């Protein structure tokens, strides 16, 4: 496993331990969204897509067993 992934997991564990499960769920959700955003940007870049304005900020949903909703503490939504 890459050292950056190990560092991210350690940080998420620290968030859960120090700030509680709600903050942990929000952090995990934000991490998923960040990965999706970068993956989409990279795929569009490789495909030669040129944006002439601000990004539409559309995020690809990851298939999760339970959808994480930070407003509901990570419960299914």
PDB file of N, CA and C in Angstrom:
ATOM      1  N   UNK A   1       0.850  -1.171   0.000  1.00  0.00           N
ATOM      2  CA  UNK A   1       0.000   0.000   0.000  1.00  0.00           C
ATOM      3  C   UNK A   1       0.896   1.235   0.000  1.00  0.00           C
ATOM      4  N   UNK A   2       0.512   2.208  -0.747  1.00  0.00           N
ATOM      5  CA  UNK A   2       1.238   3.462  -0.860  1.00  0.00           C
ATOM      6  C   UNK A   2       1.269   4.198   0.483  1.00  0.00           C
ATOM      7  N   UNK A   3       2.376   4.856   0.779  1.00  0.00           N
ATOM      8  CA  UNK A   3       2.506   5.552   2.061  1.00  0.00           C
ATOM      9  C   UNK A   3       1.490   6.685   2.218  1.00  0.00           C
ATOM     10  N   UNK A   4       1.071   7.298   1.124  1.00  0.00           N
ATOM     11  CA  UNK A   4       0.070   8.358   1.208  1.00  0.00           C
ATOM     12  C   UNK A   4      -1.295   7.798   1.617  1.00  0.00           C
ATOM     13  N   UNK A   5      -1.619   6.607   1.138  1.00  0.00           N
ATOM     14  CA  UNK A   5      -2.881   5.963   1.522  1.00  0.00           C
ATOM     15  C   UNK A   5      -2.848   5.608   3.006  1.00  0.00           C
ATOM     16  N   UNK A   6      -1.715   5.086   3.458  1.00  0.00           N
ATOM     17  CA  UNK A   6      -1.563   4.751   4.872  1.00  0.00           C
ATOM     18  C   UNK A   6      -1.724   6.013   5.717  1.00  0.00           C
ATOM     19  N   UNK A   7      -1.138   7.110   5.281  1.00  0.00           N
ATOM     20  CA  UNK A   7      -1.245   8.376   6.001  1.00  0.00           C
ATOM     21  C   UNK A   7      -2.694   8.866   6.041  1.00  0.00           C
ATOM     22  N   UNK A   8      -3.414   8.737   4.938  1.00  0.00           N
ATOM     23  CA  UNK A   8      -4.821   9.144   4.895  1.00  0.00           C
ATOM     24  C   UNK A   8      -5.662   8.308   5.858  1.00  0.00           C
ATOM     25  N   UNK A   9      -5.453   7.008   5.842  1.00  0.00           N
ATOM     26  CA  UNK A   9      -6.204   6.130   6.746  1.00  0.00           C
ATOM     27  C   UNK A   9      -5.898   6.485   8.204  1.00  0.00           C
ATOM     28  N   UNK A  10      -4.629   6.731   8.507  1.00  0.00           N
ATOM     29  CA  UNK A  10      -4.252   7.110   9.873  1.00  0.00           C
ATOM     30  C   UNK A  10      -4.924   8.419  10.272  1.00  0.00           C
ATOM     31  N   UNK A  11      -5.000   9.360   9.359  1.00  0.00           N
ATOM     32  CA  UNK A  11      -5.635  10.637   9.656  1.00  0.00           C
ATOM     33  C   UNK A  11      -7.132  10.457   9.895  1.00  0.00           C
ATOM     34  N   UNK A  12      -7.772   9.617   9.090  1.00  0.00           N
ATOM     35  CA  UNK A  12      -9.198   9.352   9.286  1.00  0.00           C
ATOM     36  C   UNK A  12      -9.450   8.679  10.634  1.00  0.00           C
ATOM     37  N   UNK A  13      -8.576   7.771  11.017  1.00  0.00           N
ATOM     38  CA  UNK A  13      -8.708   7.123  12.322  1.00  0.00           C
ATOM     39  C   UNK A  13      -8.569   8.156  13.437  1.00  0.00           C
ATOM     40  N   UNK A  14      -7.637   9.092  13.284  1.00  0.00           N
ATOM     41  CA  UNK A  14      -7.470  10.160  14.274  1.00  0.00           C
ATOM     42  C   UNK A  14      -8.712  11.036  14.362  1.00  0.00           C
ATOM     43  N   UNK A  15      -9.303  11.356  13.221  1.00  0.00           N
ATOM     44  CA  UNK A  15     -10.523  12.161  13.215  1.00  0.00           C
ATOM     45  C   UNK A  15     -11.619  11.441  13.983  1.00  0.00           C
ATOM     46  N   UNK A  16     -11.774  10.156  13.730  1.00  0.00           N
ATOM     47  CA  UNK A  16     -12.808   9.390  14.429  1.00  0.00           C
ATOM     48  C   UNK A  16     -12.544   9.366  15.931  1.00  0.00           C
ATOM     49  N   UNK A  17     -11.306   9.127  16.320  1.00  0.00           N
ATOM     50  CA  UNK A  17     -10.969   9.022  17.739  1.00  0.00           C
ATOM     51  C   UNK A  17     -11.099  10.358  18.463  1.00  0.00           C
ATOM     52  N   UNK A  18     -10.691  11.445  17.810  1.00  0.00           N
ATOM     53  CA  UNK A  18     -10.652  12.738  18.486  1.00  0.00           C
ATOM     54  C   UNK A  18     -11.922  13.563  18.311  1.00  0.00           C
ATOM     55  N   UNK A  19     -12.624  13.385  17.192  1.00  0.00           N
ATOM     56  CA  UNK A  19     -13.773  14.244  16.902  1.00  0.00           C
ATOM     57  C   UNK A  19     -15.095  13.501  16.832  1.00  0.00           C
ATOM     58  N   UNK A  20     -15.048  12.183  16.835  1.00  0.00           N
ATOM     59  CA  UNK A  20     -16.270  11.393  16.865  1.00  0.00           C
ATOM     60  C   UNK A  20     -16.712  10.870  15.513  1.00  0.00           C
ATOM     61  N   UNK A  21     -17.725  10.002  15.540  1.00  0.00           N
ATOM     62  CA  UNK A  21     -18.172   9.333  14.319  1.00  0.00           C
ATOM     63  C   UNK A  21     -18.789  10.268  13.281  1.00  0.00           C
ATOM     64  N   UNK A  22     -19.442  11.338  13.713  1.00  0.00           N
ATOM     65  CA  UNK A  22     -20.035  12.266  12.742  1.00  0.00           C
ATOM     66  C   UNK A  22     -18.974  12.948  11.893  1.00  0.00           C
ATOM     67  N   UNK A  23     -17.931  13.446  12.552  1.00  0.00           N
ATOM     68  CA  UNK A  23     -16.829  14.091  11.832  1.00  0.00           C
ATOM     69  C   UNK A  23     -16.111  13.078  10.944  1.00  0.00           C
ATOM     70  N   UNK A  24     -15.965  11.863  11.443  1.00  0.00           N
ATOM     71  CA  UNK A  24     -15.327  10.802  10.655  1.00  0.00           C
ATOM     72  C   UNK A  24     -16.103  10.531   9.368  1.00  0.00           C
ATOM     73  N   UNK A  25     -17.418  10.398   9.489  1.00  0.00           N
ATOM     74  CA  UNK A  25     -18.246  10.132   8.302  1.00  0.00           C
ATOM     75  C   UNK A  25     -18.163  11.277   7.299  1.00  0.00           C
ATOM     76  N   UNK A  26     -18.162  12.513   7.800  1.00  0.00           N
ATOM     77  CA  UNK A  26     -18.042  13.663   6.900  1.00  0.00           C
ATOM     78  C   UNK A  26     -16.680  13.672   6.203  1.00  0.00           C
ATOM     79  N   UNK A  27     -15.626  13.318   6.941  1.00  0.00           N
ATOM     80  CA  UNK A  27     -14.281  13.286   6.359  1.00  0.00           C
ATOM     81  C   UNK A  27     -14.175  12.207   5.287  1.00  0.00           C
ATOM     82  N   UNK A  28     -14.741  11.038   5.541  1.00  0.00           N
ATOM     83  CA  UNK A  28     -14.719   9.957   4.550  1.00  0.00           C
ATOM     84  C   UNK A  28     -15.507  10.372   3.309  1.00  0.00           C
ATOM     85  N   UNK A  29     -16.662  10.977   3.513  1.00  0.00           N
ATOM     86  CA  UNK A  29     -17.474  11.437   2.389  1.00  0.00           C
ATOM     87  C   UNK A  29     -16.714  12.465   1.552  1.00  0.00           C
ATOM     88  N   UNK A  30     -16.056  13.399   2.215  1.00  0.00           N
ATOM     89  CA  UNK A  30     -15.278  14.409   1.498  1.00  0.00           C
ATOM     90  C   UNK A  30     -14.114  13.774   0.736  1.00  0.00           C
ATOM     91  N   UNK A  31     -13.502  12.755   1.318  1.00  0.00           N
ATOM     92  CA  UNK A  31     -12.397  12.064   0.637  1.00  0.00           C
ATOM     93  C   UNK A  31     -12.892  11.369  -0.629  1.00  0.00           C
ATOM     94  N   UNK A  32     -14.054  10.703  -0.546  1.00  0.00           N
ATOM     95  CA  UNK A  32     -14.640  10.078  -1.743  1.00  0.00           C
ATOM     96  C   UNK A  32     -14.890  11.116  -2.828  1.00  0.00           C
ATOM     97  N   UNK A  33     -15.454  12.245  -2.442  1.00  0.00           N
ATOM     98  CA  UNK A  33     -15.766  13.292  -3.409  1.00  0.00           C
ATOM     99  C   UNK A  33     -14.511  13.871  -4.043  1.00  0.00           C
ATOM    100  N   UNK A  34     -13.459  14.031  -3.241  1.00  0.00           N
ATOM    101  CA  UNK A  34     -12.199  14.549  -3.773  1.00  0.00           C
ATOM    102  C   UNK A  34     -11.592  13.589  -4.785  1.00  0.00           C
ATOM    103  N   UNK A  35     -11.615  12.304  -4.479  1.00  0.00           N
ATOM    104  CA  UNK A  35     -11.086  11.304  -5.415  1.00  0.00           C
ATOM    105  C   UNK A  35     -11.881  11.330  -6.720  1.00  0.00           C
ATOM    106  N   UNK A  36     -13.200  11.407  -6.612  1.00  0.00           N
ATOM    107  CA  UNK A  36     -14.048  11.435  -7.805  1.00  0.00           C
ATOM    108  C   UNK A  36     -13.772  12.676  -8.648  1.00  0.00           C
ATOM    109  N   UNK A  37     -13.614  13.818  -7.996  1.00  0.00           N
ATOM    110  CA  UNK A  37     -13.362  15.075  -8.714  1.00  0.00           C
ATOM    111  C   UNK A  37     -12.049  15.014  -9.478  1.00  0.00           C
ATOM    112  N   UNK A  38     -10.998  14.536  -8.827  1.00  0.00           N
ATOM    113  CA  UNK A  38      -9.689  14.446  -9.475  1.00  0.00           C
ATOM    114  C   UNK A  38      -9.714  13.423 -10.608  1.00  0.00           C
ATOM    115  N   UNK A  39     -10.379  12.287 -10.380  1.00  0.00           N
ATOM    116  CA  UNK A  39     -10.477  11.267 -11.432  1.00  0.00           C
ATOM    117  C   UNK A  39     -11.200  11.827 -12.652  1.00  0.00           C
ATOM    118  N   UNK A  40     -12.276  12.569 -12.421  1.00  0.00           N
ATOM    119  CA  UNK A  40     -13.015  13.161 -13.539  1.00  0.00           C
ATOM    120  C   UNK A  40     -12.161  14.208 -14.266  1.00  0.00           C
ATOM    121  N   UNK A  41     -11.482  15.064 -13.510  1.00  0.00           N
ATOM    122  CA  UNK A  41     -10.615  16.068 -14.134  1.00  0.00           C
ATOM    123  C   UNK A  41      -9.525  15.417 -14.969  1.00  0.00           C
ATOM    124  N   UNK A  42      -8.910  14.363 -14.428  1.00  0.00           N
ATOM    125  CA  UNK A  42      -7.836  13.684 -15.153  1.00  0.00           C
ATOM    126  C   UNK A  42      -8.365  13.004 -16.419  1.00  0.00           C
ATOM    127  N   UNK A  43      -9.518  12.332 -16.303  1.00  0.00           N
ATOM    128  CA  UNK A  43     -10.107  11.666 -17.476  1.00  0.00           C
ATOM    129  C   UNK A  43     -10.455  12.679 -18.561  1.00  0.00           C
ATOM    130  N   UNK A  44     -11.018  13.808 -18.166  1.00  0.00           N
ATOM    131  CA  UNK A  44     -11.354  14.844 -19.148  1.00  0.00           C
ATOM    132  C   UNK A  44     -10.101  15.429 -19.781  1.00  0.00           C
ATOM    133  N   UNK A  45      -9.057  15.597 -18.979  1.00  0.00           N
ATOM    134  CA  UNK A  45      -7.798  16.121 -19.503  1.00  0.00           C
ATOM    135  C   UNK A  45      -7.206  15.165 -20.543  1.00  0.00           C
ATOM    136  N   UNK A  46      -7.218  13.871 -20.226  1.00  0.00           N
ATOM    137  CA  UNK A  46      -6.685  12.877 -21.168  1.00  0.00           C
ATOM    138  C   UNK A  46      -7.541  12.764 -22.419  1.00  0.00           C
ATOM    139  N   UNK A  47      -8.836  13.056 -22.296  1.00  0.00           N
ATOM    140  CA  UNK A  47      -9.734  12.994 -23.443  1.00  0.00           C
ATOM    141  C   UNK A  47      -9.688  14.276 -24.268  1.00  0.00           C
ATOM    142  N   UNK A  48      -8.969  15.280 -23.782  1.00  0.00           N
ATOM    143  CA  UNK A  48      -8.844  16.524 -24.525  1.00  0.00           C
ATOM    144  C   UNK A  48     -10.005  17.481 -24.334  1.00  0.00           C
ATOM    145  N   UNK A  49     -10.763  17.316 -23.272  1.00  0.00           N
ATOM    146  CA  UNK A  49     -11.882  18.215 -23.002  1.00  0.00           C
ATOM    147  C   UNK A  49     -11.319  19.556 -22.554  1.00  0.00           C
ATOM    148  N   UNK A  50     -11.825  20.631 -23.155  1.00  0.00           N
ATOM    149  CA  UNK A  50     -11.386  21.976 -22.804  1.00  0.00           C
ATOM    150  C   UNK A  50     -12.569  22.716 -22.205  1.00  0.00           C
ATOM    151  N   UNK A  51     -12.389  23.226 -21.009  1.00  0.00           N
ATOM    152  CA  UNK A  51     -13.444  24.005 -20.353  1.00  0.00           C
ATOM    153  C   UNK A  51     -13.227  25.484 -20.637  1.00  0.00           C
ATOM    154  N   UNK A  52     -14.309  26.175 -20.939  1.00  0.00           N
ATOM    155  CA  UNK A  52     -14.217  27.606 -21.199  1.00  0.00           C
ATOM    156  C   UNK A  52     -14.789  28.434 -20.058  1.00  0.00           C
ATOM    157  N   UNK A  53     -14.983  27.827 -18.935  1.00  0.00           N
ATOM    158  CA  UNK A  53     -15.522  28.540 -17.785  1.00  0.00           C
ATOM    159  C   UNK A  53     -15.272  27.739 -16.532  1.00  0.00           C
ATOM    160  N   UNK A  54     -16.030  28.071 -15.519  1.00  0.00           N
ATOM    161  CA  UNK A  54     -15.903  27.353 -14.252  1.00  0.00           C
ATOM    162  C   UNK A  54     -16.350  25.907 -14.409  1.00  0.00           C
ATOM    163  N   UNK A  55     -15.751  25.046 -13.637  1.00  0.00           N
ATOM    164  CA  UNK A  55     -16.129  23.642 -13.631  1.00  0.00           C
ATOM    165  C   UNK A  55     -17.563  23.485 -13.136  1.00  0.00           C
ATOM    166  N   UNK A  56     -18.343  22.580 -13.743  1.00  0.00           N
ATOM    167  CA  UNK A  56     -19.707  22.368 -13.264  1.00  0.00           C
ATOM    168  C   UNK A  56     -19.749  21.651 -11.917  1.00  0.00           C
ATOM    169  N   UNK A  57     -18.592  21.166 -11.464  1.00  0.00           N
ATOM    170  CA  UNK A  57     -18.469  20.505 -10.155  1.00  0.00           C
ATOM    171  C   UNK A  57     -19.421  19.328  -9.996  1.00  0.00           C
ATOM    172  N   UNK A  58     -19.628  18.592 -11.057  1.00  0.00           N
ATOM    173  CA  UNK A  58     -20.428  17.380 -10.962  1.00  0.00           C
ATOM    174  C   UNK A  58     -19.520  16.255 -10.469  1.00  0.00           C
ATOM    175  N   UNK A  59     -19.988  15.519  -9.495  1.00  0.00           N
ATOM    176  CA  UNK A  59     -19.195  14.441  -8.910  1.00  0.00           C
ATOM    177  C   UNK A  59     -19.862  13.115  -9.231  1.00  0.00           C
ATOM    178  N   UNK A  60     -19.064  12.154  -9.653  1.00  0.00           N
ATOM    179  CA  UNK A  60     -19.560  10.822  -9.951  1.00  0.00           C
ATOM    180  C   UNK A  60     -19.827  10.107  -8.628  1.00  0.00           C
ATOM    181  N   UNK A  61     -21.027   9.563  -8.459  1.00  0.00           N
ATOM    182  CA  UNK A  61     -21.347   8.848  -7.227  1.00  0.00           C
ATOM    183  C   UNK A  61     -20.661   7.493  -7.204  1.00  0.00           C
ATOM    184  N   UNK A  62     -20.016   7.198  -6.089  1.00  0.00           N
ATOM    185  CA  UNK A  62     -19.437   5.884  -5.904  1.00  0.00           C
ATOM    186  C   UNK A  62     -20.525   4.936  -5.420  1.00  0.00           C
ATOM    187  N   UNK A  63     -20.499   3.686  -5.876  1.00  0.00           N
ATOM    188  CA  UNK A  63     -21.511   2.737  -5.410  1.00  0.00           C
ATOM    189  C   UNK A  63     -21.211   2.292  -3.980  1.00  0.00           C
ATOM    190  N   UNK A  64     -21.932   2.857  -3.032  1.00  0.00           N
ATOM    191  CA  UNK A  64     -21.754   2.505  -1.627  1.00  0.00           C
ATOM    192  C   UNK A  64     -22.954   1.702  -1.157  1.00  0.00           C
ATOM    193  N   UNK A  65     -22.736   0.783  -0.228  1.00  0.00           N
ATOM    194  CA  UNK A  65     -23.843   0.031   0.362  1.00  0.00           C
ATOM    195  C   UNK A  65     -24.822   0.962   1.044  1.00  0.00           C
ATOM    196  N   UNK A  66     -24.304   1.917   1.783  1.00  0.00           N
ATOM    197  CA  UNK A  66     -25.142   2.926   2.435  1.00  0.00           C
ATOM    198  C   UNK A  66     -24.589   4.280   2.024  1.00  0.00           C
ATOM    199  N   UNK A  67     -25.421   5.107   1.514  1.00  0.00           N
ATOM    200  CA  UNK A  67     -24.992   6.425   1.067  1.00  0.00           C
ATOM    201  C   UNK A  67     -24.669   7.294   2.283  1.00  0.00           C
ATOM    202  N   UNK A  68     -23.529   7.951   2.265  1.00  0.00           N
ATOM    203  CA  UNK A  68     -23.115   8.785   3.381  1.00  0.00           C
ATOM    204  C   UNK A  68     -23.638  10.201   3.177  1.00  0.00           C
ATOM    205  N   UNK A  69     -24.401  10.676   4.126  1.00  0.00           N
ATOM    206  CA  UNK A  69     -24.937  12.023   4.071  1.00  0.00           C
ATOM    207  C   UNK A  69     -24.446  12.764   5.301  1.00  0.00           C
ATOM    208  N   UNK A  70     -23.487  13.718   5.135  1.00  0.00           N
ATOM    209  CA  UNK A  70     -22.912  14.389   6.295  1.00  0.00           C
ATOM    210  C   UNK A  70     -23.947  15.144   7.126  1.00  0.00           C
ATOM    211  N   UNK A  71     -25.047  15.562   6.531  1.00  0.00           N
ATOM    212  CA  UNK A  71     -26.067  16.286   7.281  1.00  0.00           C
ATOM    213  C   UNK A  71     -26.842  15.361   8.203  1.00  0.00           C
ATOM    214  N   UNK A  72     -26.826  14.058   7.926  1.00  0.00           N
ATOM    215  CA  UNK A  72     -27.554  13.091   8.736  1.00  0.00           C
ATOM    216  C   UNK A  72     -26.601  12.193   9.512  1.00  0.00           C
ATOM    217  N   UNK A  73     -25.362  12.612   9.653  1.00  0.00           N
ATOM    218  CA  UNK A  73     -24.399  11.809  10.410  1.00  0.00           C
ATOM    219  C   UNK A  73     -24.001  10.525   9.716  1.00  0.00           C
ATOM    220  N   UNK A  74     -24.117  10.481   8.367  1.00  0.00           N
ATOM    221  CA  UNK A  74     -23.694   9.316   7.613  1.00  0.00           C
ATOM    222  C   UNK A  74     -24.740   8.249   7.448  1.00  0.00           C
ATOM    223  N   UNK A  75     -25.957   8.505   7.888  1.00  0.00           N
ATOM    224  CA  UNK A  75     -27.024   7.506   7.754  1.00  0.00           C
ATOM    225  C   UNK A  75     -27.474   7.428   6.304  1.00  0.00           C
ATOM    226  N   UNK A  76     -28.132   6.328   5.973  1.00  0.00           N
ATOM    227  CA  UNK A  76     -28.663   6.190   4.619  1.00  0.00           C
ATOM    228  C   UNK A  76     -29.586   7.343   4.314  1.00  0.00           C
ATOM    229  N   UNK A  77     -29.507   7.812   3.058  1.00  0.00           N
ATOM    230  CA  UNK A  77     -30.341   8.949   2.695  1.00  0.00           C
ATOM    231  C   UNK A  77     -31.062   8.763   1.432  1.00  0.00           C
TER     232      UNK A  77
END
